[in-house]
Amino acid sequence: MRFGQRDLQTAVREVVHGELAALQGEGGVVAIDRHGEISMEFNSEGMFRASRKAGGDPEIQIYRQEPV
């Protein structure tokens, strides 16, 4: 509810790189919004993750593909 006014990617980044990092935590979040948008953010070296949108190809990754 605190992140309700933000887009999904912004909210997920705030949690992982803000709140989790402030606790010296390492990990990640997989989130899906009501429009079916997917965000998979992490602050560790890698995170096993996968997704597939209806009619699309599956996406499977372990390491970051783009800069934060």
PDB file of N, CA and C in Angstrom:
ATOM      1  N   MET A   1       0.820  -1.191   0.000  1.00  0.00           N
ATOM      2  CA  MET A   1       0.000   0.000   0.000  1.00  0.00           C
ATOM      3  C   MET A   1       0.864   1.254   0.000  1.00  0.00           C
ATOM      4  N   ARG A   2       2.009   1.213   0.642  1.00  0.00           N
ATOM      5  CA  ARG A   2       2.886   2.395   0.673  1.00  0.00           C
ATOM      6  C   ARG A   2       3.393   2.751  -0.706  1.00  0.00           C
ATOM      7  N   PHE A   3       3.465   1.791  -1.598  1.00  0.00           N
ATOM      8  CA  PHE A   3       4.032   2.012  -2.920  1.00  0.00           C
ATOM      9  C   PHE A   3       2.961   2.134  -3.996  1.00  0.00           C
ATOM     10  N   GLY A   4       1.701   2.282  -3.597  1.00  0.00           N
ATOM     11  CA  GLY A   4       0.571   2.297  -4.518  1.00  0.00           C
ATOM     12  C   GLY A   4       0.598   3.395  -5.563  1.00  0.00           C
ATOM     13  N   GLN A   5       1.274   4.482  -5.315  1.00  0.00           N
ATOM     14  CA  GLN A   5       1.320   5.584  -6.275  1.00  0.00           C
ATOM     15  C   GLN A   5       2.526   5.491  -7.211  1.00  0.00           C
ATOM     16  N   ARG A   6       3.328   4.442  -7.072  1.00  0.00           N
ATOM     17  CA  ARG A   6       4.516   4.285  -7.921  1.00  0.00           C
ATOM     18  C   ARG A   6       4.267   3.200  -8.961  1.00  0.00           C
ATOM     19  N   ASP A   7       4.990   3.270 -10.070  1.00  0.00           N
ATOM     20  CA  ASP A   7       4.916   2.168 -11.025  1.00  0.00           C
ATOM     21  C   ASP A   7       5.645   0.967 -10.421  1.00  0.00           C
ATOM     22  N   LEU A   8       5.385  -0.198 -10.950  1.00  0.00           N
ATOM     23  CA  LEU A   8       5.909  -1.438 -10.379  1.00  0.00           C
ATOM     24  C   LEU A   8       7.426  -1.425 -10.265  1.00  0.00           C
ATOM     25  N   GLN A   9       8.123  -1.062 -11.335  1.00  0.00           N
ATOM     26  CA  GLN A   9       9.589  -1.101 -11.321  1.00  0.00           C
ATOM     27  C   GLN A   9      10.169  -0.162 -10.267  1.00  0.00           C
ATOM     28  N   THR A  10       9.607   1.016 -10.133  1.00  0.00           N
ATOM     29  CA  THR A  10      10.082   1.978  -9.134  1.00  0.00           C
ATOM     30  C   THR A  10       9.880   1.438  -7.729  1.00  0.00           C
ATOM     31  N   ALA A  11       8.717   0.880  -7.458  1.00  0.00           N
ATOM     32  CA  ALA A  11       8.423   0.341  -6.129  1.00  0.00           C
ATOM     33  C   ALA A  11       9.354  -0.819  -5.777  1.00  0.00           C
ATOM     34  N   VAL A  12       9.566  -1.709  -6.724  1.00  0.00           N
ATOM     35  CA  VAL A  12      10.430  -2.870  -6.480  1.00  0.00           C
ATOM     36  C   VAL A  12      11.872  -2.425  -6.247  1.00  0.00           C
ATOM     37  N   ARG A  13      12.348  -1.475  -7.011  1.00  0.00           N
ATOM     38  CA  ARG A  13      13.717  -0.976  -6.818  1.00  0.00           C
ATOM     39  C   ARG A  13      13.870  -0.304  -5.457  1.00  0.00           C
ATOM     40  N   GLU A  14      12.852   0.447  -5.032  1.00  0.00           N
ATOM     41  CA  GLU A  14      12.906   1.084  -3.712  1.00  0.00           C
ATOM     42  C   GLU A  14      13.022   0.051  -2.601  1.00  0.00           C
ATOM     43  N   VAL A  15      12.274  -1.029  -2.719  1.00  0.00           N
ATOM     44  CA  VAL A  15      12.313  -2.078  -1.696  1.00  0.00           C
ATOM     45  C   VAL A  15      13.673  -2.760  -1.677  1.00  0.00           C
ATOM     46  N   VAL A  16      14.144  -3.207  -2.848  1.00  0.00           N
ATOM     47  CA  VAL A  16      15.387  -3.989  -2.912  1.00  0.00           C
ATOM     48  C   VAL A  16      16.626  -3.139  -2.658  1.00  0.00           C
ATOM     49  N   HIS A  17      16.738  -2.010  -3.344  1.00  0.00           N
ATOM     50  CA  HIS A  17      17.960  -1.201  -3.253  1.00  0.00           C
ATOM     51  C   HIS A  17      17.886  -0.151  -2.157  1.00  0.00           C
ATOM     52  N   GLY A  18      16.714   0.068  -1.603  1.00  0.00           N
ATOM     53  CA  GLY A  18      16.547   1.026  -0.515  1.00  0.00           C
ATOM     54  C   GLY A  18      16.374   0.331   0.821  1.00  0.00           C
ATOM     55  N   GLU A  19      15.183  -0.209   1.045  1.00  0.00           N
ATOM     56  CA  GLU A  19      14.855  -0.789   2.346  1.00  0.00           C
ATOM     57  C   GLU A  19      15.679  -2.038   2.673  1.00  0.00           C
ATOM     58  N   LEU A  20      15.780  -2.972   1.725  1.00  0.00           N
ATOM     59  CA  LEU A  20      16.545  -4.195   1.983  1.00  0.00           C
ATOM     60  C   LEU A  20      18.025  -3.876   2.164  1.00  0.00           C
ATOM     61  N   ALA A  21      18.559  -3.007   1.327  1.00  0.00           N
ATOM     62  CA  ALA A  21      19.973  -2.630   1.433  1.00  0.00           C
ATOM     63  C   ALA A  21      20.248  -1.912   2.753  1.00  0.00           C
ATOM     64  N   ALA A  22      19.307  -1.093   3.216  1.00  0.00           N
ATOM     65  CA  ALA A  22      19.480  -0.374   4.485  1.00  0.00           C
ATOM     66  C   ALA A  22      19.580  -1.343   5.668  1.00  0.00           C
ATOM     67  N   LEU A  23      18.977  -2.515   5.516  1.00  0.00           N
ATOM     68  CA  LEU A  23      19.056  -3.549   6.555  1.00  0.00           C
ATOM     69  C   LEU A  23      20.264  -4.459   6.349  1.00  0.00           C
ATOM     70  N   GLN A  24      21.112  -4.104   5.389  1.00  0.00           N
ATOM     71  CA  GLN A  24      22.269  -4.903   4.990  1.00  0.00           C
ATOM     72  C   GLN A  24      21.838  -6.278   4.496  1.00  0.00           C
ATOM     73  N   GLY A  25      20.648  -6.317   3.916  1.00  0.00           N
ATOM     74  CA  GLY A  25      20.111  -7.564   3.385  1.00  0.00           C
ATOM     75  C   GLY A  25      20.481  -7.758   1.934  1.00  0.00           C
ATOM     76  N   GLU A  26      20.460  -9.004   1.526  1.00  0.00           N
ATOM     77  CA  GLU A  26      20.753  -9.366   0.147  1.00  0.00           C
ATOM     78  C   GLU A  26      19.648 -10.293  -0.328  1.00  0.00           C
ATOM     79  N   GLY A  27      19.103 -10.011  -1.484  1.00  0.00           N
ATOM     80  CA  GLY A  27      18.038 -10.854  -2.008  1.00  0.00           C
ATOM     81  C   GLY A  27      17.332 -10.192  -3.159  1.00  0.00           C
ATOM     82  N   GLY A  28      16.101 -10.612  -3.383  1.00  0.00           N
ATOM     83  CA  GLY A  28      15.370 -10.075  -4.507  1.00  0.00           C
ATOM     84  C   GLY A  28      13.876 -10.245  -4.372  1.00  0.00           C
ATOM     85  N   VAL A  29      13.167  -9.689  -5.352  1.00  0.00           N
ATOM     86  CA  VAL A  29      11.714  -9.689  -5.377  1.00  0.00           C
ATOM     87  C   VAL A  29      11.249 -10.017  -6.789  1.00  0.00           C
ATOM     88  N   VAL A  30      10.248 -10.862  -6.887  1.00  0.00           N
ATOM     89  CA  VAL A  30       9.542 -11.087  -8.141  1.00  0.00           C
ATOM     90  C   VAL A  30       8.149 -10.535  -7.918  1.00  0.00           C
ATOM     91  N   ALA A  31       7.742  -9.560  -8.739  1.00  0.00           N
ATOM     92  CA  ALA A  31       6.452  -8.906  -8.543  1.00  0.00           C
ATOM     93  C   ALA A  31       5.708  -8.798  -9.869  1.00  0.00           C
ATOM     94  N   ILE A  32       4.389  -8.885  -9.780  1.00  0.00           N
ATOM     95  CA  ILE A  32       3.512  -8.750 -10.943  1.00  0.00           C
ATOM     96  C   ILE A  32       2.408  -7.778 -10.572  1.00  0.00           C
ATOM     97  N   ASP A  33       2.165  -6.785 -11.431  1.00  0.00           N
ATOM     98  CA  ASP A  33       1.099  -5.833 -11.121  1.00  0.00           C
ATOM     99  C   ASP A  33      -0.218  -6.263 -11.766  1.00  0.00           C
ATOM    100  N   ARG A  34      -1.252  -5.502 -11.561  1.00  0.00           N
ATOM    101  CA  ARG A  34      -2.589  -5.867 -12.044  1.00  0.00           C
ATOM    102  C   ARG A  34      -2.703  -5.823 -13.564  1.00  0.00           C
ATOM    103  N   HIS A  35      -1.716  -5.231 -14.235  1.00  0.00           N
ATOM    104  CA  HIS A  35      -1.704  -5.177 -15.694  1.00  0.00           C
ATOM    105  C   HIS A  35      -0.872  -6.311 -16.290  1.00  0.00           C
ATOM    106  N   GLY A  36      -0.319  -7.158 -15.433  1.00  0.00           N
ATOM    107  CA  GLY A  36       0.498  -8.273 -15.896  1.00  0.00           C
ATOM    108  C   GLY A  36       1.955  -7.924 -16.138  1.00  0.00           C
ATOM    109  N   GLU A  37       2.359  -6.699 -15.764  1.00  0.00           N
ATOM    110  CA  GLU A  37       3.771  -6.324 -15.891  1.00  0.00           C
ATOM    111  C   GLU A  37       4.574  -7.053 -14.823  1.00  0.00           C
ATOM    112  N   ILE A  38       5.761  -7.503 -15.185  1.00  0.00           N
ATOM    113  CA  ILE A  38       6.600  -8.306 -14.304  1.00  0.00           C
ATOM    114  C   ILE A  38       7.881  -7.536 -13.991  1.00  0.00           C
ATOM    115  N   SER A  39       8.282  -7.572 -12.736  1.00  0.00           N
ATOM    116  CA  SER A  39       9.542  -6.964 -12.315  1.00  0.00           C
ATOM    117  C   SER A  39      10.292  -7.975 -11.456  1.00  0.00           C
ATOM    118  N   MET A  40      11.550  -8.200 -11.785  1.00  0.00           N
ATOM    119  CA  MET A  40      12.381  -9.144 -11.038  1.00  0.00           C
ATOM    120  C   MET A  40      13.680  -8.434 -10.688  1.00  0.00           C
ATOM    121  N   GLU A  41      13.733  -7.872  -9.520  1.00  0.00           N
ATOM    122  CA  GLU A  41      14.865  -7.039  -9.095  1.00  0.00           C
ATOM    123  C   GLU A  41      15.602  -7.709  -7.953  1.00  0.00           C
ATOM    124  N   PHE A  42      16.927  -7.565  -7.925  1.00  0.00           N
ATOM    125  CA  PHE A  42      17.731  -8.177  -6.861  1.00  0.00           C
ATOM    126  C   PHE A  42      18.986  -7.357  -6.637  1.00  0.00           C
ATOM    127  N   ASN A  43      19.574  -7.515  -5.448  1.00  0.00           N
ATOM    128  CA  ASN A  43      20.812  -6.800  -5.133  1.00  0.00           C
ATOM    129  C   ASN A  43      21.949  -7.773  -4.823  1.00  0.00           C
ATOM    130  N   SER A  44      21.774  -9.017  -5.180  1.00  0.00           N
ATOM    131  CA  SER A  44      22.813 -10.024  -5.004  1.00  0.00           C
ATOM    132  C   SER A  44      23.514 -10.247  -6.345  1.00  0.00           C
ATOM    133  N   GLU A  45      24.519 -11.109  -6.357  1.00  0.00           N
ATOM    134  CA  GLU A  45      25.247 -11.370  -7.595  1.00  0.00           C
ATOM    135  C   GLU A  45      24.329 -11.942  -8.675  1.00  0.00           C
ATOM    136  N   GLY A  46      23.421 -12.787  -8.266  1.00  0.00           N
ATOM    137  CA  GLY A  46      22.486 -13.393  -9.206  1.00  0.00           C
ATOM    138  C   GLY A  46      21.246 -13.877  -8.480  1.00  0.00           C
ATOM    139  N   MET A  47      20.198 -14.155  -9.249  1.00  0.00           N
ATOM    140  CA  MET A  47      18.960 -14.681  -8.689  1.00  0.00           C
ATOM    141  C   MET A  47      18.285 -15.499  -9.780  1.00  0.00           C
ATOM    142  N   PHE A  48      18.033 -16.768  -9.502  1.00  0.00           N
ATOM    143  CA  PHE A  48      17.314 -17.598 -10.450  1.00  0.00           C
ATOM    144  C   PHE A  48      15.912 -17.030 -10.604  1.00  0.00           C
ATOM    145  N   ARG A  49      15.501 -16.777 -11.858  1.00  0.00           N
ATOM    146  CA  ARG A  49      14.178 -16.226 -12.082  1.00  0.00           C
ATOM    147  C   ARG A  49      13.718 -16.555 -13.495  1.00  0.00           C
ATOM    148  N   ALA A  50      12.413 -16.619 -13.653  1.00  0.00           N
ATOM    149  CA  ALA A  50      11.822 -16.916 -14.955  1.00  0.00           C
ATOM    150  C   ALA A  50      10.436 -16.305 -15.022  1.00  0.00           C
ATOM    151  N   SER A  51      10.007 -16.021 -16.246  1.00  0.00           N
ATOM    152  CA  SER A  51       8.662 -15.505 -16.446  1.00  0.00           C
ATOM    153  C   SER A  51       8.214 -15.832 -17.862  1.00  0.00           C
ATOM    154  N   ARG A  52       6.907 -15.726 -18.060  1.00  0.00           N
ATOM    155  CA  ARG A  52       6.355 -15.906 -19.398  1.00  0.00           C
ATOM    156  C   ARG A  52       5.027 -15.172 -19.460  1.00  0.00           C
ATOM    157  N   LYS A  53       4.903 -14.290 -20.416  1.00  0.00           N
ATOM    158  CA  LYS A  53       3.637 -13.596 -20.647  1.00  0.00           C
ATOM    159  C   LYS A  53       2.827 -14.398 -21.651  1.00  0.00           C
ATOM    160  N   ALA A  54       1.520 -14.293 -21.588  1.00  0.00           N
ATOM    161  CA  ALA A  54       0.638 -15.016 -22.498  1.00  0.00           C
ATOM    162  C   ALA A  54       1.059 -14.795 -23.948  1.00  0.00           C
ATOM    163  N   GLY A  55       1.245 -15.878 -24.658  1.00  0.00           N
ATOM    164  CA  GLY A  55       1.614 -15.799 -26.064  1.00  0.00           C
ATOM    165  C   GLY A  55       3.075 -15.489 -26.321  1.00  0.00           C
ATOM    166  N   GLY A  56       3.850 -15.276 -25.273  1.00  0.00           N
ATOM    167  CA  GLY A  56       5.256 -14.921 -25.439  1.00  0.00           C
ATOM    168  C   GLY A  56       6.188 -16.075 -25.145  1.00  0.00           C
ATOM    169  N   ASP A  57       7.450 -15.843 -25.389  1.00  0.00           N
ATOM    170  CA  ASP A  57       8.474 -16.831 -25.091  1.00  0.00           C
ATOM    171  C   ASP A  57       8.854 -16.748 -23.621  1.00  0.00           C
ATOM    172  N   PRO A  58       9.254 -17.868 -23.029  1.00  0.00           N
ATOM    173  CA  PRO A  58       9.721 -17.816 -21.643  1.00  0.00           C
ATOM    174  C   PRO A  58      11.041 -17.064 -21.544  1.00  0.00           C
ATOM    175  N   GLU A  59      11.232 -16.368 -20.439  1.00  0.00           N
ATOM    176  CA  GLU A  59      12.490 -15.687 -20.152  1.00  0.00           C
ATOM    177  C   GLU A  59      13.079 -16.318 -18.898  1.00  0.00           C
ATOM    178  N   ILE A  60      14.280 -16.824 -19.009  1.00  0.00           N
ATOM    179  CA  ILE A  60      14.957 -17.477 -17.899  1.00  0.00           C
ATOM    180  C   ILE A  60      16.321 -16.818 -17.730  1.00  0.00           C
ATOM    181  N   GLN A  61      16.613 -16.364 -16.505  1.00  0.00           N
ATOM    182  CA  GLN A  61      17.888 -15.693 -16.260  1.00  0.00           C
ATOM    183  C   GLN A  61      18.396 -16.023 -14.852  1.00  0.00           C
ATOM    184  N   ILE A  62      19.693 -15.845 -14.691  1.00  0.00           N
ATOM    185  CA  ILE A  62      20.312 -15.981 -13.370  1.00  0.00           C
ATOM    186  C   ILE A  62      21.011 -14.672 -13.000  1.00  0.00           C
ATOM    187  N   TYR A  63      21.830 -14.154 -13.888  1.00  0.00           N
ATOM    188  CA  TYR A  63      22.611 -12.960 -13.610  1.00  0.00           C
ATOM    189  C   TYR A  63      21.970 -11.726 -14.236  1.00  0.00           C
ATOM    190  N   ARG A  64      22.351 -10.566 -13.792  1.00  0.00           N
ATOM    191  CA  ARG A  64      21.818  -9.309 -14.302  1.00  0.00           C
ATOM    192  C   ARG A  64      22.214  -9.134 -15.770  1.00  0.00           C
ATOM    193  N   GLN A  65      21.284  -8.698 -16.564  1.00  0.00           N
ATOM    194  CA  GLN A  65      21.519  -8.507 -17.990  1.00  0.00           C
ATOM    195  C   GLN A  65      21.766  -7.043 -18.336  1.00  0.00           C
ATOM    196  N   GLU A  66      21.398  -6.137 -17.435  1.00  0.00           N
ATOM    197  CA  GLU A  66      21.534  -4.717 -17.701  1.00  0.00           C
ATOM    198  C   GLU A  66      21.984  -4.007 -16.438  1.00  0.00           C
ATOM    199  N   PRO A  67      22.575  -2.835 -16.557  1.00  0.00           N
ATOM    200  CA  PRO A  67      22.993  -2.103 -15.354  1.00  0.00           C
ATOM    201  C   PRO A  67      21.798  -1.617 -14.542  1.00  0.00           C
ATOM    202  N   VAL A  68      21.990  -1.480 -13.235  1.00  0.00           N
ATOM    203  CA  VAL A  68      20.929  -1.005 -12.344  1.00  0.00           C
ATOM    204  C   VAL A  68      20.751   0.480 -12.517  1.00  0.00           C
TER     205      VAL A  68
END
